[in-house]
Amino acid sequence: MRQTFSSDSVIPSPKASFQRDLKTYFEELAPDLLTWQRRNRYYYHDLARLHRFMVPPGSRVLEIGCGGGDLLNAVAPAVGVGIDFAPAMVDLARQRHPNLAFYPLDAEQLDPAHLAPDHRQFDYILISGVLGYLGDIQAVLQRLRPLCHPHTRLILTFHNYLWEPALRLAERLGQRCPQPPQNWLGMDDVVNLLTITGYTPLKRGRRLLLPKRLIGLSGWVNRYLAPLPILKHLCLTNFVVARPQPEPSRVEPLTCSVIIPARNESGNIQAAIDRLPPLGDATEVVFVEGHSQDDTWATIQTVVAHDRGPLKLKAVQQTGKGKADAVRLGFDQASGDILIILDADLTVPPEDLPHFVEVLRSGRGEFANGSRLMYPRSKVAMPWLNTLANKTFAQMFSFLLEQPLKDTLCGTKVLWRTDYERIAAGRTYFGDFDPFGDFDLLFGAAKLNLHIVEVPIRYQPRTYGSSNIAHVKEGLVLLKMCLYASRKLKFW
């Protein structure tokens, strides 16, 4: 390498002068880039692993500051585009990955017209290790907006500023490439920049406590200790996932399907129909009866046969067992744009469902989860021990999902049909681990980085029948599910 920067380098005051020096630095770094990456292969392998976890293969992906293109190639895009303002880096990327497209462009001056017509909209935009070098982060984020569609995800990774002394020492010891002066941003700084430039931060996380491979130690520390509270704040790699803030409310016709799993709920079937308000432009109700000991199936058939609208009613019976099987069967039978789960015990008032639909229709959320723990609730509906269990599991799931949730055990969950289809397609990652169905959806939504929001409901005591829940047995199942999910979402 012909030019180096020391920690004592003086930043030229004019922005243009600094950018010229920075461009020269990366131009001269290009011949040695692979050498430095091999020297720190453990770190780069972990970075690639993180992005492969969050970016499904076959996506349309743009990387800002792509360097040699290895990270972009690692996520196996159907359409992969990288930009870098150093032509030597772009030449290197083109040599290494001829299956991808690379442009010598400055992200701070990026315009869609600079890209080929097929390279102007992306599912994922990666900004990895680049924020520290940008002279105008706000301008870059604003210029990326035209390249986004409503479901685009930005994934930003950057170093924890607590590591600055250690990284400077690594430079002096020849273990890290000498760096130019950089921006050192905290997690809150990045979240704020995203917010003021038109994005909604969805998830934030930290990983990699030991960035060098120490045989028998690094893997164990980074998998089991790095995700833990307190210790995670010492990790090297910070990441934030964000989406474009929604445009004004949708105006095109919108249909909704309400899935009502019902077992031993004969007395609640007619009430569910009577109390359910119209949702969207057309409302469909799909009853899924499952091995009832009372006359629930006969009641459903009678209600469906005598219905005169405005709801469209369907009825199916399970051949399998459990709520998860019922929910999946109901979703398969549903035809609406929005899918809604409503438990047949009606402890979640059907009258509250329009709030869920409005959240999705407005774009303020992509996965709406009911929360029973915001408003006052009857002690008959939820005794203190149940409340304690609900709050405990909410804390556990919030830790696993990297998103704060107050009530993960509420049965009412609402999502777009298209997102459910993506969750179902990726179900092999988790396997068939959830007998209830709710957490299969929550974990799948978190894996896809959907915008999960909570909608408060007023939880009511049931007026017919008794609960089908075996609290102790199912509590142990939930605990087992948390341990299983921790391996898939946290300690992977």
Protein backbone atom coordinates (compact mmCIF):
# COMPACT_ATOMS: atom_id res chain seq x y z
CA MET A 1 0.00 0.00 0.00
CA ARG A 2 1.45 3.36 -1.03
CA GLN A 3 -0.45 5.68 1.30
CA THR A 4 -1.48 5.34 4.92
CA PHE A 5 -3.44 7.45 7.38
CA SER A 6 -2.49 7.72 11.01
CA SER A 7 -4.76 8.64 13.89
CA ASP A 8 -3.05 12.05 13.87
CA SER A 9 -4.09 12.85 10.28
CA VAL A 10 -5.46 16.36 9.88
CA ILE A 11 -8.90 16.52 8.25
CA PRO A 12 -8.86 19.21 5.54
CA SER A 13 -11.56 21.75 6.28
CA PRO A 14 -13.18 21.90 2.81
CA LYS A 15 -15.42 18.90 2.28
CA ALA A 16 -14.34 18.45 -1.33
CA SER A 17 -10.68 18.27 -0.34
CA PHE A 18 -11.40 15.62 2.26
CA GLN A 19 -13.38 13.55 -0.24
CA ARG A 20 -10.49 13.70 -2.71
CA ASP A 21 -8.10 12.42 -0.05
CA LEU A 22 -10.54 9.69 0.92
CA LYS A 23 -10.97 8.61 -2.69
CA THR A 24 -7.19 8.46 -3.10
CA TYR A 25 -6.97 6.33 0.03
CA PHE A 26 -9.42 3.74 -1.29
CA GLU A 27 -7.86 3.80 -4.75
CA GLU A 28 -4.52 2.89 -3.21
CA LEU A 29 -6.09 0.39 -0.82
CA ALA A 30 -7.64 -1.69 -3.61
CA PRO A 31 -4.51 -3.81 -4.46
CA ASP A 32 -4.15 -4.75 -0.79
CA LEU A 33 -7.83 -5.14 0.11
CA LEU A 34 -7.90 -8.93 -0.09
CA THR A 35 -4.76 -9.20 2.02
CA TRP A 36 -6.35 -7.22 4.83
CA GLN A 37 -9.59 -9.17 4.53
CA ARG A 38 -7.73 -12.48 4.80
CA ARG A 39 -5.91 -11.18 7.87
CA ASN A 40 -9.33 -10.50 9.46
CA ARG A 41 -11.29 -13.29 7.81
CA TYR A 42 -13.09 -14.24 11.02
CA TYR A 43 -14.66 -10.76 11.22
CA TYR A 44 -15.63 -10.70 7.54
CA HIS A 45 -17.09 -14.20 7.67
CA ASP A 46 -19.29 -13.15 10.60
CA LEU A 47 -20.40 -10.03 8.72
CA ALA A 48 -21.40 -12.16 5.73
CA ARG A 49 -23.20 -14.60 8.01
CA LEU A 50 -25.23 -11.79 9.59
CA HIS A 51 -26.34 -10.49 6.20
CA ARG A 52 -27.19 -13.96 4.88
CA PHE A 53 -29.44 -14.40 7.91
CA MET A 54 -31.37 -11.20 7.12
CA VAL A 55 -31.42 -11.25 3.30
CA PRO A 56 -33.29 -14.13 1.62
CA PRO A 57 -31.46 -15.59 -1.41
CA GLY A 58 -32.81 -14.39 -4.73
CA SER A 59 -33.55 -10.82 -3.57
CA ARG A 60 -32.78 -7.60 -5.41
CA VAL A 61 -29.86 -6.11 -3.44
CA LEU A 62 -27.92 -2.84 -3.63
CA GLU A 63 -24.71 -2.35 -1.64
CA ILE A 64 -23.35 1.14 -0.94
CA GLY A 65 -19.55 1.17 -0.68
CA CYS A 66 -19.23 -2.34 -2.05
CA GLY A 67 -15.41 -2.60 -2.04
CA GLY A 68 -14.45 -5.89 -3.65
CA GLY A 69 -18.09 -7.06 -3.80
CA ASP A 70 -17.65 -10.09 -1.52
CA LEU A 71 -20.48 -9.18 0.89
CA LEU A 72 -22.89 -8.52 -1.97
CA ASN A 73 -22.01 -11.87 -3.52
CA ALA A 74 -22.42 -13.63 -0.15
CA VAL A 75 -26.17 -12.90 0.04
CA ALA A 76 -26.78 -14.66 -3.32
CA PRO A 77 -28.93 -11.95 -4.94
CA ALA A 78 -31.02 -12.47 -8.05
CA VAL A 79 -30.04 -8.92 -8.99
CA GLY A 80 -26.96 -7.60 -7.21
CA VAL A 81 -25.72 -4.04 -7.69
CA GLY A 82 -22.77 -2.44 -5.94
CA ILE A 83 -21.57 1.15 -6.03
CA ASP A 84 -18.23 2.52 -4.85
CA PHE A 85 -16.69 5.91 -5.49
CA ALA A 86 -13.19 4.43 -6.02
CA PRO A 87 -12.88 3.12 -9.61
CA ALA A 88 -10.09 0.74 -8.55
CA MET A 89 -12.49 -0.92 -6.09
CA VAL A 90 -15.13 -1.25 -8.80
CA ASP A 91 -12.56 -2.84 -11.14
CA LEU A 92 -11.62 -5.34 -8.42
CA ALA A 93 -15.29 -6.18 -7.74
CA ARG A 94 -15.98 -6.72 -11.44
CA GLN A 95 -13.02 -9.08 -11.73
CA ARG A 96 -14.05 -11.11 -8.69
CA HIS A 97 -17.80 -11.23 -9.30
CA PRO A 98 -18.67 -10.87 -13.00
CA ASN A 99 -22.21 -12.10 -12.26
CA LEU A 100 -22.99 -8.85 -10.41
CA ALA A 101 -23.21 -5.23 -11.57
CA PHE A 102 -20.90 -2.53 -10.20
CA TYR A 103 -20.87 1.24 -10.76
CA PRO A 104 -18.15 3.83 -9.94
CA LEU A 105 -20.48 6.33 -8.25
CA ASP A 106 -20.43 8.64 -5.23
CA ALA A 107 -23.34 7.75 -2.93
CA GLU A 108 -23.67 11.39 -1.89
CA GLN A 109 -24.47 12.30 -5.54
CA LEU A 110 -26.43 9.16 -6.40
CA ASP A 111 -29.35 9.51 -8.80
CA PRO A 112 -31.48 6.66 -10.22
CA ALA A 113 -30.64 7.96 -13.70
CA HIS A 114 -27.03 6.90 -13.05
CA LEU A 115 -28.13 3.25 -12.97
CA ALA A 116 -29.44 0.93 -15.65
CA PRO A 117 -33.27 0.81 -15.89
CA ASP A 118 -33.36 -2.64 -14.27
CA HIS A 119 -31.20 -1.40 -11.37
CA ARG A 120 -33.45 1.29 -9.92
CA GLN A 121 -35.44 -0.50 -7.21
CA PHE A 122 -34.30 -2.97 -4.57
CA ASP A 123 -35.61 -5.28 -1.85
CA TYR A 124 -32.54 -4.75 0.35
CA ILE A 125 -29.98 -1.95 0.54
CA LEU A 126 -26.77 -2.75 2.45
CA ILE A 127 -24.63 -0.04 4.02
CA SER A 128 -21.89 -2.00 5.75
CA GLY A 129 -18.92 -0.31 7.39
CA VAL A 130 -19.46 2.82 5.27
CA LEU A 131 -21.16 5.32 7.60
CA GLY A 132 -17.83 6.25 9.17
CA TYR A 133 -16.47 7.54 5.86
CA LEU A 134 -19.46 9.55 4.60
CA GLY A 135 -19.22 13.31 4.63
CA ASP A 136 -23.01 13.74 4.47
CA ILE A 137 -24.86 10.70 5.81
CA GLN A 138 -28.20 12.49 5.64
CA ALA A 139 -27.78 13.19 1.91
CA VAL A 140 -26.95 9.54 1.19
CA LEU A 141 -30.00 8.25 3.05
CA GLN A 142 -32.25 10.75 1.28
CA ARG A 143 -30.86 9.79 -2.14
CA LEU A 144 -31.65 6.13 -1.48
CA ARG A 145 -35.38 6.77 -1.03
CA PRO A 146 -36.21 6.69 -4.79
CA LEU A 147 -34.53 3.26 -4.99
CA CYS A 148 -36.91 1.81 -2.38
CA HIS A 149 -40.35 0.27 -2.66
CA PRO A 150 -42.67 0.09 0.40
CA HIS A 151 -41.17 -3.21 1.57
CA THR A 152 -37.50 -2.37 1.03
CA ARG A 153 -35.20 -2.95 4.00
CA LEU A 154 -32.05 -0.96 4.74
CA ILE A 155 -29.41 -2.88 6.71
CA LEU A 156 -26.72 -0.69 8.24
CA THR A 157 -23.72 -2.14 10.07
CA PHE A 158 -21.10 -0.02 11.83
CA HIS A 159 -18.50 -0.32 14.57
CA ASN A 160 -19.28 0.28 18.23
CA TYR A 161 -17.48 3.52 19.17
CA LEU A 162 -16.30 1.86 22.43
CA TRP A 163 -13.92 -0.14 20.25
CA GLU A 164 -12.12 2.91 18.85
CA PRO A 165 -9.03 2.63 21.11
CA ALA A 166 -8.70 -1.11 20.44
CA LEU A 167 -9.04 -0.64 16.69
CA ARG A 168 -6.43 2.13 16.67
CA LEU A 169 -4.09 -0.18 18.55
CA ALA A 170 -4.75 -2.94 16.01
CA GLU A 171 -3.70 -0.52 13.25
CA ARG A 172 -0.39 0.20 14.98
CA LEU A 173 0.22 -3.52 15.44
CA GLY A 174 -0.41 -4.20 11.75
CA GLN A 175 -3.56 -6.23 12.41
CA ARG A 176 -5.89 -3.72 10.79
CA CYS A 177 -5.58 -1.55 7.73
CA PRO A 178 -4.63 2.06 8.70
CA GLN A 179 -7.76 4.18 8.52
CA PRO A 180 -8.53 7.80 7.62
CA PRO A 181 -10.36 9.94 10.18
CA GLN A 182 -13.90 8.61 10.62
CA ASN A 183 -17.31 9.42 12.01
CA TRP A 184 -17.92 7.43 15.19
CA LEU A 185 -21.66 7.00 15.55
CA GLY A 186 -23.67 5.55 18.40
CA MET A 187 -26.75 3.43 17.91
CA ASP A 188 -29.04 6.35 18.79
CA ASP A 189 -27.23 8.59 16.30
CA VAL A 190 -27.94 6.17 13.46
CA VAL A 191 -31.57 5.67 14.50
CA ASN A 192 -32.05 9.45 14.60
CA LEU A 193 -30.48 9.91 11.15
CA LEU A 194 -32.82 7.28 9.72
CA THR A 195 -35.84 8.88 11.35
CA ILE A 196 -35.15 12.40 10.05
CA THR A 197 -34.48 11.16 6.51
CA GLY A 198 -37.76 9.29 6.10
CA TYR A 199 -37.16 5.79 7.47
CA THR A 200 -38.66 3.77 10.31
CA PRO A 201 -36.06 1.83 12.34
CA LEU A 202 -37.37 -1.70 12.89
CA LYS A 203 -34.62 -3.56 14.68
CA ARG A 204 -31.30 -2.83 16.30
CA GLY A 205 -28.72 -5.33 17.46
CA ARG A 206 -25.13 -6.03 18.40
CA ARG A 207 -22.80 -8.99 17.82
CA LEU A 208 -19.19 -10.17 17.86
CA LEU A 209 -17.46 -9.83 21.18
CA LEU A 210 -14.24 -11.47 19.93
CA PRO A 211 -13.48 -10.43 16.32
CA LYS A 212 -10.39 -12.67 16.02
CA ARG A 213 -10.47 -16.44 15.81
CA LEU A 214 -9.25 -18.06 19.02
CA ILE A 215 -9.67 -21.82 18.65
CA GLY A 216 -12.17 -23.20 21.12
CA LEU A 217 -13.07 -19.78 22.52
CA SER A 218 -14.27 -17.28 19.89
CA GLY A 219 -17.19 -19.38 18.67
CA TRP A 220 -18.45 -20.05 22.17
CA VAL A 221 -18.07 -16.45 23.36
CA ASN A 222 -19.70 -14.93 20.27
CA ARG A 223 -22.58 -17.39 20.20
CA TYR A 224 -23.52 -17.61 23.88
CA LEU A 225 -22.07 -14.59 25.71
CA ALA A 226 -22.22 -11.79 23.13
CA PRO A 227 -26.08 -11.72 22.93
CA LEU A 228 -26.51 -11.41 26.70
CA PRO A 229 -27.68 -8.16 28.34
CA ILE A 230 -24.85 -5.79 29.32
CA LEU A 231 -22.25 -7.85 27.43
CA LYS A 232 -23.97 -7.14 24.11
CA HIS A 233 -23.20 -3.43 24.55
CA LEU A 234 -19.49 -4.31 24.33
CA CYS A 235 -19.77 -6.05 20.96
CA LEU A 236 -17.88 -4.71 17.95
CA THR A 237 -20.61 -4.83 15.28
CA ASN A 238 -23.75 -2.72 15.60
CA PHE A 239 -26.59 -3.13 13.13
CA VAL A 240 -29.89 -1.38 12.43
CA VAL A 241 -32.66 -2.52 10.08
CA ALA A 242 -35.07 0.12 8.75
CA ARG A 243 -37.86 0.54 6.20
CA PRO A 244 -39.05 3.60 4.26
CA GLN A 245 -41.72 5.49 6.16
CA PRO A 246 -45.12 4.75 4.63
CA GLU A 247 -46.77 6.90 2.03
CA PRO A 248 -50.38 8.14 2.58
CA SER A 249 -53.07 5.54 3.21
CA ARG A 250 -53.94 3.01 0.53
CA VAL A 251 -57.03 3.90 -1.46
CA GLU A 252 -57.43 0.78 -3.61
CA PRO A 253 -60.04 -1.82 -2.56
CA LEU A 254 -58.96 -3.95 0.36
CA THR A 255 -60.43 -7.27 1.54
CA CYS A 256 -60.04 -8.92 4.92
CA SER A 257 -60.29 -12.54 6.09
CA VAL A 258 -60.98 -13.28 9.76
CA ILE A 259 -59.87 -16.77 10.81
CA ILE A 260 -61.75 -18.11 13.87
CA PRO A 261 -60.37 -21.40 15.25
CA ALA A 262 -63.15 -22.96 17.34
CA ARG A 263 -63.08 -25.93 19.69
CA ASN A 264 -65.93 -26.39 22.19
CA GLU A 265 -67.18 -22.84 21.49
CA SER A 266 -70.78 -23.50 20.39
CA GLY A 267 -72.20 -20.60 22.39
CA ASN A 268 -69.83 -18.02 20.86
CA ILE A 269 -70.32 -18.70 17.13
CA GLN A 270 -73.38 -16.53 16.49
CA ALA A 271 -72.03 -13.79 18.77
CA ALA A 272 -68.81 -13.65 16.74
CA ILE A 273 -70.80 -12.91 13.60
CA ASP A 274 -73.19 -10.50 15.27
CA ARG A 275 -70.40 -8.45 16.85
CA LEU A 276 -67.92 -8.43 13.95
CA PRO A 277 -67.98 -5.08 12.12
CA PRO A 278 -67.27 -4.83 8.38
CA LEU A 279 -63.54 -4.67 7.74
CA GLY A 280 -62.01 -3.07 4.67
CA ASP A 281 -64.11 -3.16 1.52
CA ALA A 282 -65.22 -6.79 1.97
CA THR A 283 -65.03 -9.13 4.94
CA GLU A 284 -64.70 -12.90 4.90
CA VAL A 285 -64.98 -15.13 7.99
CA VAL A 286 -63.43 -18.60 7.99
CA PHE A 287 -64.48 -20.85 10.89
CA VAL A 288 -62.08 -23.74 11.53
CA GLU A 289 -63.61 -26.34 13.85
CA GLY A 290 -61.30 -28.75 15.59
CA HIS A 291 -62.50 -31.96 17.31
CA SER A 292 -65.09 -30.32 19.60
CA GLN A 293 -66.90 -32.31 22.29
CA ASP A 294 -70.01 -30.10 22.04
CA ASP A 295 -72.13 -29.12 19.01
CA THR A 296 -69.72 -26.42 17.74
CA TRP A 297 -69.55 -27.86 14.20
CA ALA A 298 -73.35 -28.14 13.90
CA THR A 299 -73.72 -24.57 15.15
CA ILE A 300 -71.18 -23.28 12.62
CA GLN A 301 -72.99 -25.08 9.80
CA THR A 302 -76.31 -23.58 10.87
CA VAL A 303 -74.89 -20.05 11.11
CA VAL A 304 -73.24 -20.32 7.69
CA ALA A 305 -76.38 -21.77 6.07
CA HIS A 306 -78.66 -19.02 7.38
CA ASP A 307 -76.34 -16.07 6.90
CA ARG A 308 -77.60 -13.28 4.65
CA GLY A 309 -74.54 -11.01 4.71
CA PRO A 310 -72.85 -8.62 4.65
CA LEU A 311 -70.09 -11.00 5.77
CA LYS A 312 -69.00 -13.88 3.57
CA LEU A 313 -68.87 -17.04 5.69
CA LYS A 314 -66.88 -20.26 5.21
CA ALA A 315 -66.51 -23.33 7.41
CA VAL A 316 -63.89 -26.10 7.43
CA GLN A 317 -62.97 -28.91 9.80
CA GLN A 318 -59.51 -29.92 10.86
CA THR A 319 -58.08 -33.32 10.18
CA GLY A 320 -54.96 -32.39 12.13
CA LYS A 321 -54.79 -31.17 15.71
CA GLY A 322 -53.88 -27.99 17.54
CA LYS A 323 -54.38 -24.28 16.99
CA ALA A 324 -51.36 -23.98 14.67
CA ASP A 325 -52.90 -26.50 12.29
CA ALA A 326 -56.23 -24.66 12.49
CA VAL A 327 -54.67 -21.27 11.76
CA ARG A 328 -52.72 -22.57 8.77
CA LEU A 329 -55.80 -24.33 7.38
CA GLY A 330 -57.83 -21.15 7.78
CA PHE A 331 -55.17 -19.05 6.06
CA ASP A 332 -55.06 -21.54 3.19
CA GLN A 333 -58.84 -21.20 2.77
CA ALA A 334 -58.84 -17.40 3.07
CA SER A 335 -58.93 -15.05 0.08
CA GLY A 336 -58.48 -11.62 1.74
CA ASP A 337 -55.60 -9.19 1.33
CA ILE A 338 -55.31 -8.97 5.14
CA LEU A 339 -55.39 -12.08 7.37
CA ILE A 340 -56.74 -11.80 10.93
CA ILE A 341 -56.80 -14.35 13.77
CA LEU A 342 -59.73 -14.00 16.20
CA ASP A 343 -60.04 -16.52 19.02
CA ALA A 344 -63.56 -17.94 19.29
CA ASP A 345 -63.74 -17.27 23.05
CA LEU A 346 -64.22 -13.57 22.15
CA THR A 347 -62.05 -12.39 25.04
CA VAL A 348 -60.58 -10.06 22.39
CA PRO A 349 -63.62 -7.98 21.36
CA PRO A 350 -64.39 -8.31 17.63
CA GLU A 351 -65.30 -4.63 17.75
CA ASP A 352 -61.58 -3.79 18.18
CA LEU A 353 -60.49 -5.37 14.88
CA PRO A 354 -60.89 -2.18 12.75
CA HIS A 355 -57.96 -0.70 14.69
CA PHE A 356 -55.72 -3.53 13.48
CA VAL A 357 -56.82 -3.14 9.87
CA GLU A 358 -56.22 0.62 9.93
CA VAL A 359 -52.64 0.12 11.17
CA LEU A 360 -51.84 -2.06 8.16
CA ARG A 361 -53.84 -0.01 5.69
CA SER A 362 -52.08 3.21 6.75
CA GLY A 363 -48.65 1.60 6.47
CA ARG A 364 -47.82 2.33 10.12
CA GLY A 365 -47.15 -1.35 10.70
CA GLU A 366 -46.83 -4.59 8.74
CA PHE A 367 -47.62 -7.11 11.48
CA ALA A 368 -50.13 -6.05 14.16
CA ASN A 369 -50.04 -7.97 17.44
CA GLY A 370 -52.77 -7.52 20.02
CA SER A 371 -51.79 -6.35 23.49
CA ARG A 372 -54.01 -7.08 26.48
CA LEU A 373 -51.68 -5.43 28.98
CA MET A 374 -52.16 -1.72 28.24
CA TYR A 375 -55.78 -1.14 29.32
CA PRO A 376 -57.22 -2.24 32.68
CA ARG A 377 -58.42 -5.85 32.49
CA SER A 378 -60.68 -8.08 34.48
CA LYS A 379 -58.97 -10.29 37.06
CA VAL A 380 -61.41 -12.99 36.04
CA ALA A 381 -60.20 -12.82 32.44
CA MET A 382 -56.53 -12.71 33.45
CA PRO A 383 -55.63 -13.62 37.06
CA TRP A 384 -52.43 -12.15 38.52
CA LEU A 385 -50.42 -15.32 37.88
CA ASN A 386 -51.40 -15.28 34.20
CA THR A 387 -50.47 -11.60 34.02
CA LEU A 388 -47.05 -12.35 35.51
CA ALA A 389 -46.50 -15.20 33.03
CA ASN A 390 -47.55 -13.01 30.11
CA LYS A 391 -45.15 -10.24 31.13
CA THR A 392 -42.33 -12.71 31.66
CA PHE A 393 -42.73 -14.29 28.25
CA ALA A 394 -43.04 -10.82 26.69
CA GLN A 395 -39.62 -9.93 28.07
CA MET A 396 -38.15 -13.17 26.77
CA PHE A 397 -39.60 -12.72 23.30
CA SER A 398 -38.54 -9.06 23.17
CA PHE A 399 -34.98 -10.18 23.87
CA LEU A 400 -35.16 -12.87 21.18
CA LEU A 401 -36.80 -10.69 18.52
CA GLU A 402 -34.73 -7.55 19.16
CA GLN A 403 -38.03 -5.66 19.23
CA PRO A 404 -39.96 -4.54 22.31
CA LEU A 405 -43.26 -6.40 22.75
CA LYS A 406 -45.61 -6.10 25.69
CA ASP A 407 -47.89 -9.11 25.10
CA THR A 408 -46.73 -11.93 22.83
CA LEU A 409 -49.40 -14.41 24.00
CA CYS A 410 -52.43 -12.53 22.70
CA GLY A 411 -54.09 -14.69 20.05
CA THR A 412 -55.08 -11.81 17.77
CA LYS A 413 -52.47 -11.27 15.07
CA VAL A 414 -53.01 -9.42 11.78
CA LEU A 415 -50.76 -9.40 8.71
CA TRP A 416 -50.76 -9.05 4.95
CA ARG A 417 -51.43 -12.21 2.95
CA THR A 418 -48.26 -11.59 0.90
CA ASP A 419 -46.17 -11.46 4.08
CA TYR A 420 -47.78 -14.65 5.39
CA GLU A 421 -46.84 -16.40 2.17
CA ARG A 422 -43.22 -15.30 2.68
CA ILE A 423 -43.31 -16.54 6.29
CA ALA A 424 -44.72 -19.89 5.15
CA ALA A 425 -42.08 -20.18 2.42
CA GLY A 426 -39.32 -19.65 4.99
CA ARG A 427 -40.83 -21.95 7.62
CA THR A 428 -38.15 -24.59 7.04
CA TYR A 429 -35.68 -22.36 8.93
CA PHE A 430 -37.58 -22.85 12.19
CA GLY A 431 -39.33 -26.12 11.42
CA ASP A 432 -42.71 -27.19 12.77
CA PHE A 433 -41.96 -26.24 16.36
CA ASP A 434 -45.07 -24.27 17.37
CA PRO A 435 -48.29 -26.07 18.40
CA PHE A 436 -50.09 -22.74 18.92
CA GLY A 437 -49.39 -21.00 15.60
CA ASP A 438 -48.89 -17.52 17.05
CA PHE A 439 -45.13 -17.78 17.53
CA ASP A 440 -44.51 -19.34 14.17
CA LEU A 441 -45.91 -16.05 12.82
CA LEU A 442 -44.02 -13.81 15.26
CA PHE A 443 -40.66 -15.50 14.70
CA GLY A 444 -41.22 -15.59 10.96
CA ALA A 445 -42.11 -11.88 10.94
CA ALA A 446 -38.99 -11.06 12.94
CA LYS A 447 -36.82 -13.15 10.60
CA LEU A 448 -38.20 -11.13 7.64
CA ASN A 449 -37.69 -7.84 9.54
CA LEU A 450 -41.37 -6.93 9.26
CA HIS A 451 -42.49 -3.83 11.13
CA ILE A 452 -44.16 -5.40 14.19
CA VAL A 453 -46.45 -3.09 16.17
CA GLU A 454 -48.83 -3.68 19.06
CA VAL A 455 -52.48 -2.66 19.08
CA PRO A 456 -54.12 -2.38 22.53
CA ILE A 457 -57.36 -4.22 23.16
CA ARG A 458 -59.68 -4.37 26.16
CA TYR A 459 -59.47 -7.98 27.31
CA GLN A 460 -62.84 -9.38 28.43
CA PRO A 461 -63.92 -12.49 30.38
CA ARG A 462 -65.47 -15.22 28.24
CA THR A 463 -69.26 -15.47 28.43
CA TYR A 464 -69.58 -19.09 27.33
CA GLY A 465 -67.65 -22.27 28.09
CA SER A 466 -64.26 -22.65 29.75
CA SER A 467 -60.70 -22.16 28.61
CA ASN A 468 -59.07 -24.88 26.50
CA ILE A 469 -55.66 -23.84 27.85
CA ALA A 470 -53.72 -26.16 30.17
CA HIS A 471 -51.69 -23.42 31.82
CA VAL A 472 -48.83 -25.37 33.40
CA LYS A 473 -48.40 -27.80 30.52
CA GLU A 474 -48.58 -25.12 27.86
CA GLY A 475 -46.34 -22.81 29.90
CA LEU A 476 -43.63 -25.48 29.77
CA VAL A 477 -44.19 -25.79 26.01
CA LEU A 478 -43.76 -22.02 25.67
CA LEU A 479 -40.54 -22.16 27.66
CA LYS A 480 -39.27 -24.94 25.42
CA MET A 481 -40.19 -22.86 22.36
CA CYS A 482 -38.21 -19.90 23.73
CA LEU A 483 -35.15 -22.08 24.18
CA TYR A 484 -35.56 -23.45 20.68
CA ALA A 485 -36.05 -19.99 19.18
CA SER A 486 -33.00 -18.65 21.02
CA ARG A 487 -30.81 -20.99 18.96
CA LYS A 488 -32.47 -19.86 15.74
CA LEU A 489 -32.70 -16.12 16.38
CA LYS A 490 -30.16 -15.19 19.02
CA PHE A 491 -27.43 -17.75 19.68
CA TRP A 492 -27.00 -18.90 16.09
